[in-house]
Amino acid sequence: MKILVTDDSSGWIEYHVNALRQILPAGCEIDTAKSAKEGLDKITLNIDSPYDVIFTDMQMESDFLPMYAGEWFVKQIKTYKEYNNSRIIIISAAPNIKRIAEKYNVEYLPKPMCQLRENYSKLFE
């Protein structure tokens, strides 16, 4: 399994990576990006071997206002047919996270709920 974690906070990236490593089998590849733009670079660089799961924060760089950077990133991912079978999971404390997830037909974990490790386990049952 190949996973991309995108968040502008190195602390949250570390948290997500550690939580995923605890529940996923050894050998899973976890890559990281520190912005929506870097995330887009990573998905295009890996187009021949797409990520199976992409986690993204919503509130990152402000370049895309009034849209969240993470929402812009999800829209970009959805333009690549190679990522049609990838799971996209948005993570945010934004109050409208559920509406955004429904709009783009993706999954979501609200912060701070993502701090509960059992929520990660449920994603991979």
PDB file of N, CA and C in Angstrom:
ATOM      1  N   MET A   1       0.840  -1.180   0.000  1.00  0.00           N
ATOM      2  CA  MET A   1       0.000   0.000   0.000  1.00  0.00           C
ATOM      3  C   MET A   1       0.885   1.244   0.000  1.00  0.00           C
ATOM      4  N   LYS A   2       0.455   2.228  -0.738  1.00  0.00           N
ATOM      5  CA  LYS A   2       1.209   3.470  -0.897  1.00  0.00           C
ATOM      6  C   LYS A   2       0.315   4.635  -0.447  1.00  0.00           C
ATOM      7  N   ILE A   3       0.821   5.428   0.507  1.00  0.00           N
ATOM      8  CA  ILE A   3       0.025   6.476   1.145  1.00  0.00           C
ATOM      9  C   ILE A   3       0.756   7.813   1.058  1.00  0.00           C
ATOM     10  N   LEU A   4      -0.017   8.885   0.857  1.00  0.00           N
ATOM     11  CA  LEU A   4       0.510  10.239   0.907  1.00  0.00           C
ATOM     12  C   LEU A   4      -0.216  10.990   2.018  1.00  0.00           C
ATOM     13  N   VAL A   5       0.560  11.620   2.907  1.00  0.00           N
ATOM     14  CA  VAL A   5       0.016  12.456   3.982  1.00  0.00           C
ATOM     15  C   VAL A   5       0.433  13.899   3.687  1.00  0.00           C
ATOM     16  N   THR A   6      -0.552  14.796   3.538  1.00  0.00           N
ATOM     17  CA  THR A   6      -0.287  16.197   3.206  1.00  0.00           C
ATOM     18  C   THR A   6      -0.817  17.096   4.314  1.00  0.00           C
ATOM     19  N   ASP A   7       0.074  17.856   4.922  1.00  0.00           N
ATOM     20  CA  ASP A   7      -0.297  18.786   5.997  1.00  0.00           C
ATOM     21  C   ASP A   7       0.822  19.803   6.126  1.00  0.00           C
ATOM     22  N   ASP A   8       0.474  21.042   6.429  1.00  0.00           N
ATOM     23  CA  ASP A   8       1.508  22.074   6.570  1.00  0.00           C
ATOM     24  C   ASP A   8       2.155  22.080   7.942  1.00  0.00           C
ATOM     25  N   SER A   9       1.643  21.282   8.856  1.00  0.00           N
ATOM     26  CA  SER A   9       2.217  21.182  10.198  1.00  0.00           C
ATOM     27  C   SER A   9       3.055  19.913  10.307  1.00  0.00           C
ATOM     28  N   SER A  10       4.355  20.082  10.569  1.00  0.00           N
ATOM     29  CA  SER A  10       5.221  18.897  10.696  1.00  0.00           C
ATOM     30  C   SER A  10       4.793  18.044  11.882  1.00  0.00           C
ATOM     31  N   GLY A  11       4.233  18.670  12.919  1.00  0.00           N
ATOM     32  CA  GLY A  11       3.741  17.902  14.064  1.00  0.00           C
ATOM     33  C   GLY A  11       2.586  16.991  13.691  1.00  0.00           C
ATOM     34  N   TRP A  12       1.656  17.504  12.894  1.00  0.00           N
ATOM     35  CA  TRP A  12       0.531  16.674  12.448  1.00  0.00           C
ATOM     36  C   TRP A  12       1.007  15.603  11.476  1.00  0.00           C
ATOM     37  N   ILE A  13       1.930  15.932  10.600  1.00  0.00           N
ATOM     38  CA  ILE A  13       2.456  14.903   9.695  1.00  0.00           C
ATOM     39  C   ILE A  13       3.046  13.760  10.510  1.00  0.00           C
ATOM     40  N   GLU A  14       3.869  14.099  11.481  1.00  0.00           N
ATOM     41  CA  GLU A  14       4.483  13.072  12.329  1.00  0.00           C
ATOM     42  C   GLU A  14       3.417  12.251  13.043  1.00  0.00           C
ATOM     43  N   TYR A  15       2.390  12.919  13.551  1.00  0.00           N
ATOM     44  CA  TYR A  15       1.318  12.213  14.240  1.00  0.00           C
ATOM     45  C   TYR A  15       0.624  11.222  13.304  1.00  0.00           C
ATOM     46  N   HIS A  16       0.228  11.693  12.114  1.00  0.00           N
ATOM     47  CA  HIS A  16      -0.474  10.826  11.161  1.00  0.00           C
ATOM     48  C   HIS A  16       0.392   9.639  10.743  1.00  0.00           C
ATOM     49  N   VAL A  17       1.645   9.905  10.430  1.00  0.00           N
ATOM     50  CA  VAL A  17       2.553   8.830   9.998  1.00  0.00           C
ATOM     51  C   VAL A  17       2.713   7.799  11.111  1.00  0.00           C
ATOM     52  N   ASN A  18       2.921   8.239  12.345  1.00  0.00           N
ATOM     53  CA  ASN A  18       3.065   7.307  13.469  1.00  0.00           C
ATOM     54  C   ASN A  18       1.800   6.489  13.679  1.00  0.00           C
ATOM     55  N   ALA A  19       0.640   7.143  13.614  1.00  0.00           N
ATOM     56  CA  ALA A  19      -0.628   6.424  13.793  1.00  0.00           C
ATOM     57  C   ALA A  19      -0.812   5.375  12.699  1.00  0.00           C
ATOM     58  N   LEU A  20      -0.507   5.735  11.468  1.00  0.00           N
ATOM     59  CA  LEU A  20      -0.658   4.791  10.360  1.00  0.00           C
ATOM     60  C   LEU A  20       0.322   3.632  10.474  1.00  0.00           C
ATOM     61  N   ARG A  21       1.549   3.911  10.854  1.00  0.00           N
ATOM     62  CA  ARG A  21       2.552   2.834  10.998  1.00  0.00           C
ATOM     63  C   ARG A  21       2.143   1.820  12.076  1.00  0.00           C
ATOM     64  N   GLN A  22       1.411   2.267  13.073  1.00  0.00           N
ATOM     65  CA  GLN A  22       0.971   1.362  14.139  1.00  0.00           C
ATOM     66  C   GLN A  22      -0.120   0.405  13.685  1.00  0.00           C
ATOM     67  N   ILE A  23      -0.908   0.799  12.688  1.00  0.00           N
ATOM     68  CA  ILE A  23      -2.030  -0.057  12.292  1.00  0.00           C
ATOM     69  C   ILE A  23      -1.855  -0.748  10.950  1.00  0.00           C
ATOM     70  N   LEU A  24      -0.915  -0.281  10.133  1.00  0.00           N
ATOM     71  CA  LEU A  24      -0.728  -0.870   8.811  1.00  0.00           C
ATOM     72  C   LEU A  24       0.412  -1.883   8.827  1.00  0.00           C
ATOM     73  N   PRO A  25       0.342  -2.862   7.933  1.00  0.00           N
ATOM     74  CA  PRO A  25       1.411  -3.853   7.883  1.00  0.00           C
ATOM     75  C   PRO A  25       2.752  -3.238   7.471  1.00  0.00           C
ATOM     76  N   ALA A  26       3.818  -3.875   7.913  1.00  0.00           N
ATOM     77  CA  ALA A  26       5.160  -3.428   7.517  1.00  0.00           C
ATOM     78  C   ALA A  26       5.251  -3.462   5.997  1.00  0.00           C
ATOM     79  N   GLY A  27       6.024  -2.567   5.460  1.00  0.00           N
ATOM     80  CA  GLY A  27       6.198  -2.522   4.011  1.00  0.00           C
ATOM     81  C   GLY A  27       5.302  -1.513   3.317  1.00  0.00           C
ATOM     82  N   CYS A  28       4.348  -0.941   4.053  1.00  0.00           N
ATOM     83  CA  CYS A  28       3.532   0.118   3.457  1.00  0.00           C
ATOM     84  C   CYS A  28       4.414   1.348   3.274  1.00  0.00           C
ATOM     85  N   GLU A  29       4.288   1.959   2.132  1.00  0.00           N
ATOM     86  CA  GLU A  29       5.080   3.151   1.826  1.00  0.00           C
ATOM     87  C   GLU A  29       4.269   4.390   2.205  1.00  0.00           C
ATOM     88  N   ILE A  30       4.834   5.222   3.073  1.00  0.00           N
ATOM     89  CA  ILE A  30       4.158   6.456   3.470  1.00  0.00           C
ATOM     90  C   ILE A  30       5.033   7.628   3.055  1.00  0.00           C
ATOM     91  N   ASP A  31       4.492   8.467   2.193  1.00  0.00           N
ATOM     92  CA  ASP A  31       5.171   9.657   1.697  1.00  0.00           C
ATOM     93  C   ASP A  31       4.481  10.874   2.315  1.00  0.00           C
ATOM     94  N   THR A  32       5.171  12.013   2.363  1.00  0.00           N
ATOM     95  CA  THR A  32       4.580  13.205   2.957  1.00  0.00           C
ATOM     96  C   THR A  32       4.784  14.422   2.063  1.00  0.00           C
ATOM     97  N   ALA A  33       3.892  15.402   2.255  1.00  0.00           N
ATOM     98  CA  ALA A  33       3.996  16.686   1.569  1.00  0.00           C
ATOM     99  C   ALA A  33       3.573  17.764   2.567  1.00  0.00           C
ATOM    100  N   LYS A  34       4.234  18.929   2.488  1.00  0.00           N
ATOM    101  CA  LYS A  34       3.985  19.993   3.459  1.00  0.00           C
ATOM    102  C   LYS A  34       3.095  21.117   2.937  1.00  0.00           C
ATOM    103  N   SER A  35       2.473  20.918   1.774  1.00  0.00           N
ATOM    104  CA  SER A  35       1.546  21.908   1.229  1.00  0.00           C
ATOM    105  C   SER A  35       0.719  21.237   0.142  1.00  0.00           C
ATOM    106  N   ALA A  36      -0.369  21.902  -0.239  1.00  0.00           N
ATOM    107  CA  ALA A  36      -1.193  21.386  -1.332  1.00  0.00           C
ATOM    108  C   ALA A  36      -0.390  21.354  -2.633  1.00  0.00           C
ATOM    109  N   LYS A  37       0.414  22.385  -2.861  1.00  0.00           N
ATOM    110  CA  LYS A  37       1.233  22.425  -4.081  1.00  0.00           C
ATOM    111  C   LYS A  37       2.247  21.281  -4.105  1.00  0.00           C
ATOM    112  N   GLU A  38       2.880  21.022  -2.964  1.00  0.00           N
ATOM    113  CA  GLU A  38       3.832  19.909  -2.895  1.00  0.00           C
ATOM    114  C   GLU A  38       3.101  18.580  -3.055  1.00  0.00           C
ATOM    115  N   GLY A  39       1.898  18.485  -2.500  1.00  0.00           N
ATOM    116  CA  GLY A  39       1.092  17.274  -2.671  1.00  0.00           C
ATOM    117  C   GLY A  39       0.795  17.018  -4.145  1.00  0.00           C
ATOM    118  N   LEU A  40       0.434  18.077  -4.870  1.00  0.00           N
ATOM    119  CA  LEU A  40       0.170  17.935  -6.302  1.00  0.00           C
ATOM    120  C   LEU A  40       1.427  17.475  -7.042  1.00  0.00           C
ATOM    121  N   ASP A  41       2.570  18.044  -6.672  1.00  0.00           N
ATOM    122  CA  ASP A  41       3.833  17.594  -7.272  1.00  0.00           C
ATOM    123  C   ASP A  41       4.043  16.105  -7.033  1.00  0.00           C
ATOM    124  N   LYS A  42       3.765  15.652  -5.809  1.00  0.00           N
ATOM    125  CA  LYS A  42       3.984  14.228  -5.477  1.00  0.00           C
ATOM    126  C   LYS A  42       3.031  13.332  -6.259  1.00  0.00           C
ATOM    127  N   ILE A  43       1.750  13.723  -6.380  1.00  0.00           N
ATOM    128  CA  ILE A  43       0.842  12.832  -7.114  1.00  0.00           C
ATOM    129  C   ILE A  43       1.187  12.778  -8.604  1.00  0.00           C
ATOM    130  N   THR A  44       1.674  13.889  -9.161  1.00  0.00           N
ATOM    131  CA  THR A  44       2.046  13.847 -10.580  1.00  0.00           C
ATOM    132  C   THR A  44       3.345  13.060 -10.786  1.00  0.00           C
ATOM    133  N   LEU A  45       4.270  13.167  -9.852  1.00  0.00           N
ATOM    134  CA  LEU A  45       5.511  12.383  -9.952  1.00  0.00           C
ATOM    135  C   LEU A  45       5.244  10.880  -9.822  1.00  0.00           C
ATOM    136  N   ASN A  46       4.163  10.529  -9.139  1.00  0.00           N
ATOM    137  CA  ASN A  46       3.831   9.124  -8.905  1.00  0.00           C
ATOM    138  C   ASN A  46       2.672   8.646  -9.771  1.00  0.00           C
ATOM    139  N   ILE A  47       2.435   9.310 -10.886  1.00  0.00           N
ATOM    140  CA  ILE A  47       1.287   9.004 -11.739  1.00  0.00           C
ATOM    141  C   ILE A  47       1.329   7.566 -12.273  1.00  0.00           C
ATOM    142  N   ASP A  48       2.518   7.022 -12.488  1.00  0.00           N
ATOM    143  CA  ASP A  48       2.636   5.655 -13.003  1.00  0.00           C
ATOM    144  C   ASP A  48       2.448   4.601 -11.918  1.00  0.00           C
ATOM    145  N   SER A  49       2.542   5.026 -10.674  1.00  0.00           N
ATOM    146  CA  SER A  49       2.311   4.141  -9.527  1.00  0.00           C
ATOM    147  C   SER A  49       1.571   4.957  -8.472  1.00  0.00           C
ATOM    148  N   PRO A  50       0.265   5.201  -8.709  1.00  0.00           N
ATOM    149  CA  PRO A  50      -0.501   6.133  -7.874  1.00  0.00           C
ATOM    150  C   PRO A  50      -0.597   5.703  -6.406  1.00  0.00           C
ATOM    151  N   TYR A  51      -0.780   6.701  -5.574  1.00  0.00           N
ATOM    152  CA  TYR A  51      -1.028   6.441  -4.155  1.00  0.00           C
ATOM    153  C   TYR A  51      -2.365   5.737  -4.007  1.00  0.00           C
ATOM    154  N   ASP A  52      -2.420   4.778  -3.089  1.00  0.00           N
ATOM    155  CA  ASP A  52      -3.674   4.082  -2.797  1.00  0.00           C
ATOM    156  C   ASP A  52      -4.571   4.940  -1.908  1.00  0.00           C
ATOM    157  N   VAL A  53      -3.933   5.672  -0.987  1.00  0.00           N
ATOM    158  CA  VAL A  53      -4.667   6.509  -0.038  1.00  0.00           C
ATOM    159  C   VAL A  53      -3.962   7.854   0.057  1.00  0.00           C
ATOM    160  N   ILE A  54      -4.751   8.931   0.033  1.00  0.00           N
ATOM    161  CA  ILE A  54      -4.202  10.277   0.167  1.00  0.00           C
ATOM    162  C   ILE A  54      -4.932  10.971   1.313  1.00  0.00           C
ATOM    163  N   PHE A  55      -4.187  11.334   2.342  1.00  0.00           N
ATOM    164  CA  PHE A  55      -4.713  12.122   3.456  1.00  0.00           C
ATOM    165  C   PHE A  55      -4.320  13.571   3.201  1.00  0.00           C
ATOM    166  N   THR A  56      -5.247  14.502   3.406  1.00  0.00           N
ATOM    167  CA  THR A  56      -4.886  15.906   3.269  1.00  0.00           C
ATOM    168  C   THR A  56      -5.606  16.766   4.294  1.00  0.00           C
ATOM    169  N   ASP A  57      -4.849  17.678   4.859  1.00  0.00           N
ATOM    170  CA  ASP A  57      -5.418  18.717   5.700  1.00  0.00           C
ATOM    171  C   ASP A  57      -6.172  19.666   4.778  1.00  0.00           C
ATOM    172  N   MET A  58      -7.096  20.423   5.310  1.00  0.00           N
ATOM    173  CA  MET A  58      -7.817  21.417   4.515  1.00  0.00           C
ATOM    174  C   MET A  58      -7.141  22.778   4.585  1.00  0.00           C
ATOM    175  N   GLN A  59      -6.778  23.208   5.788  1.00  0.00           N
ATOM    176  CA  GLN A  59      -6.283  24.557   6.005  1.00  0.00           C
ATOM    177  C   GLN A  59      -4.754  24.581   5.976  1.00  0.00           C
ATOM    178  N   MET A  60      -4.216  24.877   4.796  1.00  0.00           N
ATOM    179  CA  MET A  60      -2.767  24.957   4.624  1.00  0.00           C
ATOM    180  C   MET A  60      -2.439  26.330   4.042  1.00  0.00           C
ATOM    181  N   GLU A  61      -1.685  26.402   2.932  1.00  0.00           N
ATOM    182  CA  GLU A  61      -1.310  27.696   2.376  1.00  0.00           C
ATOM    183  C   GLU A  61      -2.549  28.481   1.933  1.00  0.00           C
ATOM    184  N   SER A  62      -2.451  29.801   1.979  1.00  0.00           N
ATOM    185  CA  SER A  62      -3.605  30.661   1.700  1.00  0.00           C
ATOM    186  C   SER A  62      -3.722  31.068   0.232  1.00  0.00           C
ATOM    187  N   ASP A  63      -2.952  30.468  -0.641  1.00  0.00           N
ATOM    188  CA  ASP A  63      -2.921  30.831  -2.057  1.00  0.00           C
ATOM    189  C   ASP A  63      -4.251  30.639  -2.778  1.00  0.00           C
ATOM    190  N   PHE A  64      -5.144  29.828  -2.237  1.00  0.00           N
ATOM    191  CA  PHE A  64      -6.340  29.420  -2.958  1.00  0.00           C
ATOM    192  C   PHE A  64      -7.624  30.023  -2.390  1.00  0.00           C
ATOM    193  N   LEU A  65      -7.489  31.000  -1.500  1.00  0.00           N
ATOM    194  CA  LEU A  65      -8.661  31.623  -0.877  1.00  0.00           C
ATOM    195  C   LEU A  65      -9.598  32.168  -1.949  1.00  0.00           C
ATOM    196  N   PRO A  66     -10.910  32.048  -1.799  1.00  0.00           N
ATOM    197  CA  PRO A  66     -11.603  31.640  -0.571  1.00  0.00           C
ATOM    198  C   PRO A  66     -11.707  30.129  -0.396  1.00  0.00           C
ATOM    199  N   MET A  67     -11.158  29.348  -1.294  1.00  0.00           N
ATOM    200  CA  MET A  67     -11.166  27.895  -1.162  1.00  0.00           C
ATOM    201  C   MET A  67     -10.020  27.459  -0.244  1.00  0.00           C
ATOM    202  N   TYR A  68     -10.254  26.416   0.554  1.00  0.00           N
ATOM    203  CA  TYR A  68      -9.168  25.840   1.342  1.00  0.00           C
ATOM    204  C   TYR A  68      -8.139  25.218   0.404  1.00  0.00           C
ATOM    205  N   ALA A  69      -6.886  25.249   0.795  1.00  0.00           N
ATOM    206  CA  ALA A  69      -5.827  24.627  -0.004  1.00  0.00           C
ATOM    207  C   ALA A  69      -6.096  23.135  -0.198  1.00  0.00           C
ATOM    208  N   GLY A  70      -6.547  22.473   0.858  1.00  0.00           N
ATOM    209  CA  GLY A  70      -6.846  21.049   0.756  1.00  0.00           C
ATOM    210  C   GLY A  70      -7.977  20.754  -0.211  1.00  0.00           C
ATOM    211  N   GLU A  71      -8.972  21.640  -0.250  1.00  0.00           N
ATOM    212  CA  GLU A  71     -10.069  21.462  -1.198  1.00  0.00           C
ATOM    213  C   GLU A  71      -9.546  21.611  -2.632  1.00  0.00           C
ATOM    214  N   TRP A  72      -8.691  22.608  -2.857  1.00  0.00           N
ATOM    215  CA  TRP A  72      -8.063  22.774  -4.165  1.00  0.00           C
ATOM    216  C   TRP A  72      -7.290  21.510  -4.539  1.00  0.00           C
ATOM    217  N   PHE A  73      -6.550  20.953  -3.584  1.00  0.00           N
ATOM    218  CA  PHE A  73      -5.756  19.749  -3.818  1.00  0.00           C
ATOM    219  C   PHE A  73      -6.657  18.577  -4.207  1.00  0.00           C
ATOM    220  N   VAL A  74      -7.758  18.401  -3.499  1.00  0.00           N
ATOM    221  CA  VAL A  74      -8.691  17.313  -3.824  1.00  0.00           C
ATOM    222  C   VAL A  74      -9.217  17.491  -5.251  1.00  0.00           C
ATOM    223  N   LYS A  75      -9.581  18.718  -5.617  1.00  0.00           N
ATOM    224  CA  LYS A  75     -10.063  18.977  -6.979  1.00  0.00           C
ATOM    225  C   LYS A  75      -9.008  18.597  -8.016  1.00  0.00           C
ATOM    226  N   GLN A  76      -7.741  18.882  -7.727  1.00  0.00           N
ATOM    227  CA  GLN A  76      -6.661  18.536  -8.656  1.00  0.00           C
ATOM    228  C   GLN A  76      -6.520  17.023  -8.776  1.00  0.00           C
ATOM    229  N   ILE A  77      -6.554  16.324  -7.651  1.00  0.00           N
ATOM    230  CA  ILE A  77      -6.433  14.860  -7.672  1.00  0.00           C
ATOM    231  C   ILE A  77      -7.526  14.256  -8.543  1.00  0.00           C
ATOM    232  N   LYS A  78      -8.729  14.780  -8.407  1.00  0.00           N
ATOM    233  CA  LYS A  78      -9.891  14.237  -9.128  1.00  0.00           C
ATOM    234  C   LYS A  78      -9.778  14.406 -10.639  1.00  0.00           C
ATOM    235  N   THR A  79      -8.857  15.240 -11.122  1.00  0.00           N
ATOM    236  CA  THR A  79      -8.693  15.406 -12.574  1.00  0.00           C
ATOM    237  C   THR A  79      -7.846  14.300 -13.204  1.00  0.00           C
ATOM    238  N   TYR A  80      -7.176  13.500 -12.395  1.00  0.00           N
ATOM    239  CA  TYR A  80      -6.302  12.438 -12.899  1.00  0.00           C
ATOM    240  C   TYR A  80      -7.031  11.096 -12.856  1.00  0.00           C
ATOM    241  N   LYS A  81      -7.252  10.500 -14.016  1.00  0.00           N
ATOM    242  CA  LYS A  81      -7.930   9.202 -14.063  1.00  0.00           C
ATOM    243  C   LYS A  81      -7.137   8.130 -13.319  1.00  0.00           C
ATOM    244  N   GLU A  82      -5.829   8.307 -13.248  1.00  0.00           N
ATOM    245  CA  GLU A  82      -4.982   7.323 -12.551  1.00  0.00           C
ATOM    246  C   GLU A  82      -5.317   7.257 -11.057  1.00  0.00           C
ATOM    247  N   TYR A  83      -5.963   8.284 -10.529  1.00  0.00           N
ATOM    248  CA  TYR A  83      -6.313   8.326  -9.114  1.00  0.00           C
ATOM    249  C   TYR A  83      -7.791   8.044  -8.858  1.00  0.00           C
ATOM    250  N   ASN A  84      -8.504   7.544  -9.872  1.00  0.00           N
ATOM    251  CA  ASN A  84      -9.927   7.234  -9.697  1.00  0.00           C
ATOM    252  C   ASN A  84     -10.184   6.201  -8.610  1.00  0.00           C
ATOM    253  N   ASN A  85      -9.246   5.294  -8.394  1.00  0.00           N
ATOM    254  CA  ASN A  85      -9.433   4.237  -7.392  1.00  0.00           C
ATOM    255  C   ASN A  85      -8.739   4.544  -6.069  1.00  0.00           C
ATOM    256  N   SER A  86      -8.153   5.717  -5.956  1.00  0.00           N
ATOM    257  CA  SER A  86      -7.477   6.092  -4.709  1.00  0.00           C
ATOM    258  C   SER A  86      -8.491   6.616  -3.706  1.00  0.00           C
ATOM    259  N   ARG A  87      -8.277   6.265  -2.441  1.00  0.00           N
ATOM    260  CA  ARG A  87      -9.103   6.822  -1.376  1.00  0.00           C
ATOM    261  C   ARG A  87      -8.525   8.170  -0.982  1.00  0.00           C
ATOM    262  N   ILE A  88      -9.381   9.157  -0.873  1.00  0.00           N
ATOM    263  CA  ILE A  88      -8.966  10.483  -0.434  1.00  0.00           C
ATOM    264  C   ILE A  88      -9.663  10.754   0.890  1.00  0.00           C
ATOM    265  N   ILE A  89      -8.871  11.119   1.893  1.00  0.00           N
ATOM    266  CA  ILE A  89      -9.400  11.369   3.231  1.00  0.00           C
ATOM    267  C   ILE A  89      -8.960  12.756   3.656  1.00  0.00           C
ATOM    268  N   ILE A  90      -9.933  13.644   3.859  1.00  0.00           N
ATOM    269  CA  ILE A  90      -9.603  14.985   4.307  1.00  0.00           C
ATOM    270  C   ILE A  90      -9.651  15.030   5.828  1.00  0.00           C
ATOM    271  N   ILE A  91      -8.725  15.798   6.390  1.00  0.00           N
ATOM    272  CA  ILE A  91      -8.597  15.925   7.843  1.00  0.00           C
ATOM    273  C   ILE A  91      -8.578  17.411   8.164  1.00  0.00           C
ATOM    274  N   SER A  92      -9.494  17.832   9.049  1.00  0.00           N
ATOM    275  CA  SER A  92      -9.528  19.256   9.343  1.00  0.00           C
ATOM    276  C   SER A  92     -10.372  19.558  10.568  1.00  0.00           C
ATOM    277  N   ALA A  93     -10.086  20.706  11.165  1.00  0.00           N
ATOM    278  CA  ALA A  93     -10.932  21.242  12.232  1.00  0.00           C
ATOM    279  C   ALA A  93     -11.965  22.202  11.637  1.00  0.00           C
ATOM    280  N   ALA A  94     -11.940  22.391  10.326  1.00  0.00           N
ATOM    281  CA  ALA A  94     -12.897  23.285   9.674  1.00  0.00           C
ATOM    282  C   ALA A  94     -14.323  22.801   9.944  1.00  0.00           C
ATOM    283  N   PRO A  95     -15.215  23.709  10.293  1.00  0.00           N
ATOM    284  CA  PRO A  95     -16.580  23.304  10.636  1.00  0.00           C
ATOM    285  C   PRO A  95     -17.370  22.717   9.464  1.00  0.00           C
ATOM    286  N   ASN A  96     -16.962  22.988   8.244  1.00  0.00           N
ATOM    287  CA  ASN A  96     -17.687  22.497   7.069  1.00  0.00           C
ATOM    288  C   ASN A  96     -17.024  21.284   6.416  1.00  0.00           C
ATOM    289  N   ILE A  97     -16.235  20.549   7.173  1.00  0.00           N
ATOM    290  CA  ILE A  97     -15.502  19.403   6.606  1.00  0.00           C
ATOM    291  C   ILE A  97     -16.446  18.340   6.031  1.00  0.00           C
ATOM    292  N   LYS A  98     -17.547  18.077   6.707  1.00  0.00           N
ATOM    293  CA  LYS A  98     -18.477  17.053   6.219  1.00  0.00           C
ATOM    294  C   LYS A  98     -19.070  17.473   4.871  1.00  0.00           C
ATOM    295  N   ARG A  99     -19.452  18.723   4.755  1.00  0.00           N
ATOM    296  CA  ARG A  99     -20.026  19.219   3.500  1.00  0.00           C
ATOM    297  C   ARG A  99     -19.004  19.124   2.368  1.00  0.00           C
ATOM    298  N   ILE A 100     -17.757  19.483   2.653  1.00  0.00           N
ATOM    299  CA  ILE A 100     -16.703  19.401   1.635  1.00  0.00           C
ATOM    300  C   ILE A 100     -16.484  17.948   1.218  1.00  0.00           C
ATOM    301  N   ALA A 101     -16.448  17.043   2.188  1.00  0.00           N
ATOM    302  CA  ALA A 101     -16.260  15.619   1.878  1.00  0.00           C
ATOM    303  C   ALA A 101     -17.390  15.102   0.996  1.00  0.00           C
ATOM    304  N   GLU A 102     -18.614  15.491   1.308  1.00  0.00           N
ATOM    305  CA  GLU A 102     -19.754  15.062   0.491  1.00  0.00           C
ATOM    306  C   GLU A 102     -19.687  15.654  -0.909  1.00  0.00           C
ATOM    307  N   LYS A 103     -19.289  16.916  -1.013  1.00  0.00           N
ATOM    308  CA  LYS A 103     -19.203  17.601  -2.308  1.00  0.00           C
ATOM    309  C   LYS A 103     -18.255  16.877  -3.269  1.00  0.00           C
ATOM    310  N   TYR A 104     -17.135  16.365  -2.743  1.00  0.00           N
ATOM    311  CA  TYR A 104     -16.122  15.719  -3.588  1.00  0.00           C
ATOM    312  C   TYR A 104     -16.137  14.193  -3.485  1.00  0.00           C
ATOM    313  N   ASN A 105     -17.110  13.672  -2.744  1.00  0.00           N
ATOM    314  CA  ASN A 105     -17.247  12.216  -2.578  1.00  0.00           C
ATOM    315  C   ASN A 105     -15.960  11.587  -2.037  1.00  0.00           C
ATOM    316  N   VAL A 106     -15.475  12.155  -0.920  1.00  0.00           N
ATOM    317  CA  VAL A 106     -14.287  11.641  -0.247  1.00  0.00           C
ATOM    318  C   VAL A 106     -14.630  11.373   1.220  1.00  0.00           C
ATOM    319  N   GLU A 107     -13.726  10.737   1.906  1.00  0.00           N
ATOM    320  CA  GLU A 107     -13.906  10.461   3.329  1.00  0.00           C
ATOM    321  C   GLU A 107     -13.303  11.600   4.149  1.00  0.00           C
ATOM    322  N   TYR A 108     -13.632  11.638   5.433  1.00  0.00           N
ATOM    323  CA  TYR A 108     -13.078  12.696   6.275  1.00  0.00           C
ATOM    324  C   TYR A 108     -12.884  12.236   7.708  1.00  0.00           C
ATOM    325  N   LEU A 109     -11.931  12.867   8.376  1.00  0.00           N
ATOM    326  CA  LEU A 109     -11.689  12.720   9.811  1.00  0.00           C
ATOM    327  C   LEU A 109     -11.609  14.127  10.386  1.00  0.00           C
ATOM    328  N   PRO A 110     -12.547  14.485  11.259  1.00  0.00           N
ATOM    329  CA  PRO A 110     -12.452  15.816  11.862  1.00  0.00           C
ATOM    330  C   PRO A 110     -11.365  15.853  12.934  1.00  0.00           C
ATOM    331  N   LYS A 111     -10.635  16.965  12.989  1.00  0.00           N
ATOM    332  CA  LYS A 111      -9.701  17.173  14.096  1.00  0.00           C
ATOM    333  C   LYS A 111     -10.532  17.723  15.240  1.00  0.00           C
ATOM    334  N   PRO A 112     -10.329  17.369  16.456  1.00  0.00           N
ATOM    335  CA  PRO A 112      -9.271  16.507  16.963  1.00  0.00           C
ATOM    336  C   PRO A 112      -9.622  15.032  16.971  1.00  0.00           C
ATOM    337  N   MET A 113     -10.765  14.642  16.349  1.00  0.00           N
ATOM    338  CA  MET A 113     -11.154  13.232  16.367  1.00  0.00           C
ATOM    339  C   MET A 113     -10.083  12.326  15.769  1.00  0.00           C
ATOM    340  N   CYS A 114      -9.289  12.851  14.820  1.00  0.00           N
ATOM    341  CA  CYS A 114      -8.253  12.025  14.212  1.00  0.00           C
ATOM    342  C   CYS A 114      -7.176  11.657  15.222  1.00  0.00           C
ATOM    343  N   GLN A 115      -7.197  12.319  16.394  1.00  0.00           N
ATOM    344  CA  GLN A 115      -6.227  11.967  17.421  1.00  0.00           C
ATOM    345  C   GLN A 115      -6.543  10.615  18.056  1.00  0.00           C
ATOM    346  N   LEU A 116      -7.738  10.127  17.833  1.00  0.00           N
ATOM    347  CA  LEU A 116      -8.104   8.827  18.380  1.00  0.00           C
ATOM    348  C   LEU A 116      -7.651   7.745  17.416  1.00  0.00           C
ATOM    349  N   ARG A 117      -6.670   6.988  17.813  1.00  0.00           N
ATOM    350  CA  ARG A 117      -6.065   5.992  16.915  1.00  0.00           C
ATOM    351  C   ARG A 117      -7.068   4.985  16.369  1.00  0.00           C
ATOM    352  N   GLU A 118      -8.129   4.702  17.131  1.00  0.00           N
ATOM    353  CA  GLU A 118      -9.112   3.741  16.632  1.00  0.00           C
ATOM    354  C   GLU A 118      -9.811   4.256  15.378  1.00  0.00           C
ATOM    355  N   ASN A 119      -9.862   5.579  15.184  1.00  0.00           N
ATOM    356  CA  ASN A 119     -10.454   6.109  13.959  1.00  0.00           C
ATOM    357  C   ASN A 119      -9.619   5.729  12.740  1.00  0.00           C
ATOM    358  N   TYR A 120      -8.306   5.698  12.890  1.00  0.00           N
ATOM    359  CA  TYR A 120      -7.455   5.257  11.788  1.00  0.00           C
ATOM    360  C   TYR A 120      -7.714   3.781  11.494  1.00  0.00           C
ATOM    361  N   SER A 121      -7.810   2.976  12.545  1.00  0.00           N
ATOM    362  CA  SER A 121      -8.038   1.547  12.370  1.00  0.00           C
ATOM    363  C   SER A 121      -9.321   1.302  11.598  1.00  0.00           C
ATOM    364  N   LYS A 122     -10.368   2.061  11.892  1.00  0.00           N
ATOM    365  CA  LYS A 122     -11.645   1.878  11.210  1.00  0.00           C
ATOM    366  C   LYS A 122     -11.518   2.148   9.714  1.00  0.00           C
ATOM    367  N   LEU A 123     -10.646   3.044   9.322  1.00  0.00           N
ATOM    368  CA  LEU A 123     -10.466   3.342   7.901  1.00  0.00           C
ATOM    369  C   LEU A 123      -9.938   2.151   7.125  1.00  0.00           C
ATOM    370  N   PHE A 124      -9.204   1.262   7.791  1.00  0.00           N
ATOM    371  CA  PHE A 124      -8.550   0.158   7.102  1.00  0.00           C
ATOM    372  C   PHE A 124      -9.127  -1.206   7.468  1.00  0.00           C
ATOM    373  N   GLU A 125     -10.351  -1.231   7.972  1.00  0.00           N
ATOM    374  CA  GLU A 125     -10.994  -2.515   8.300  1.00  0.00           C
ATOM    375  C   GLU A 125     -11.461  -3.201   7.055  1.00  0.00           C
TER     376      GLU A 125
END
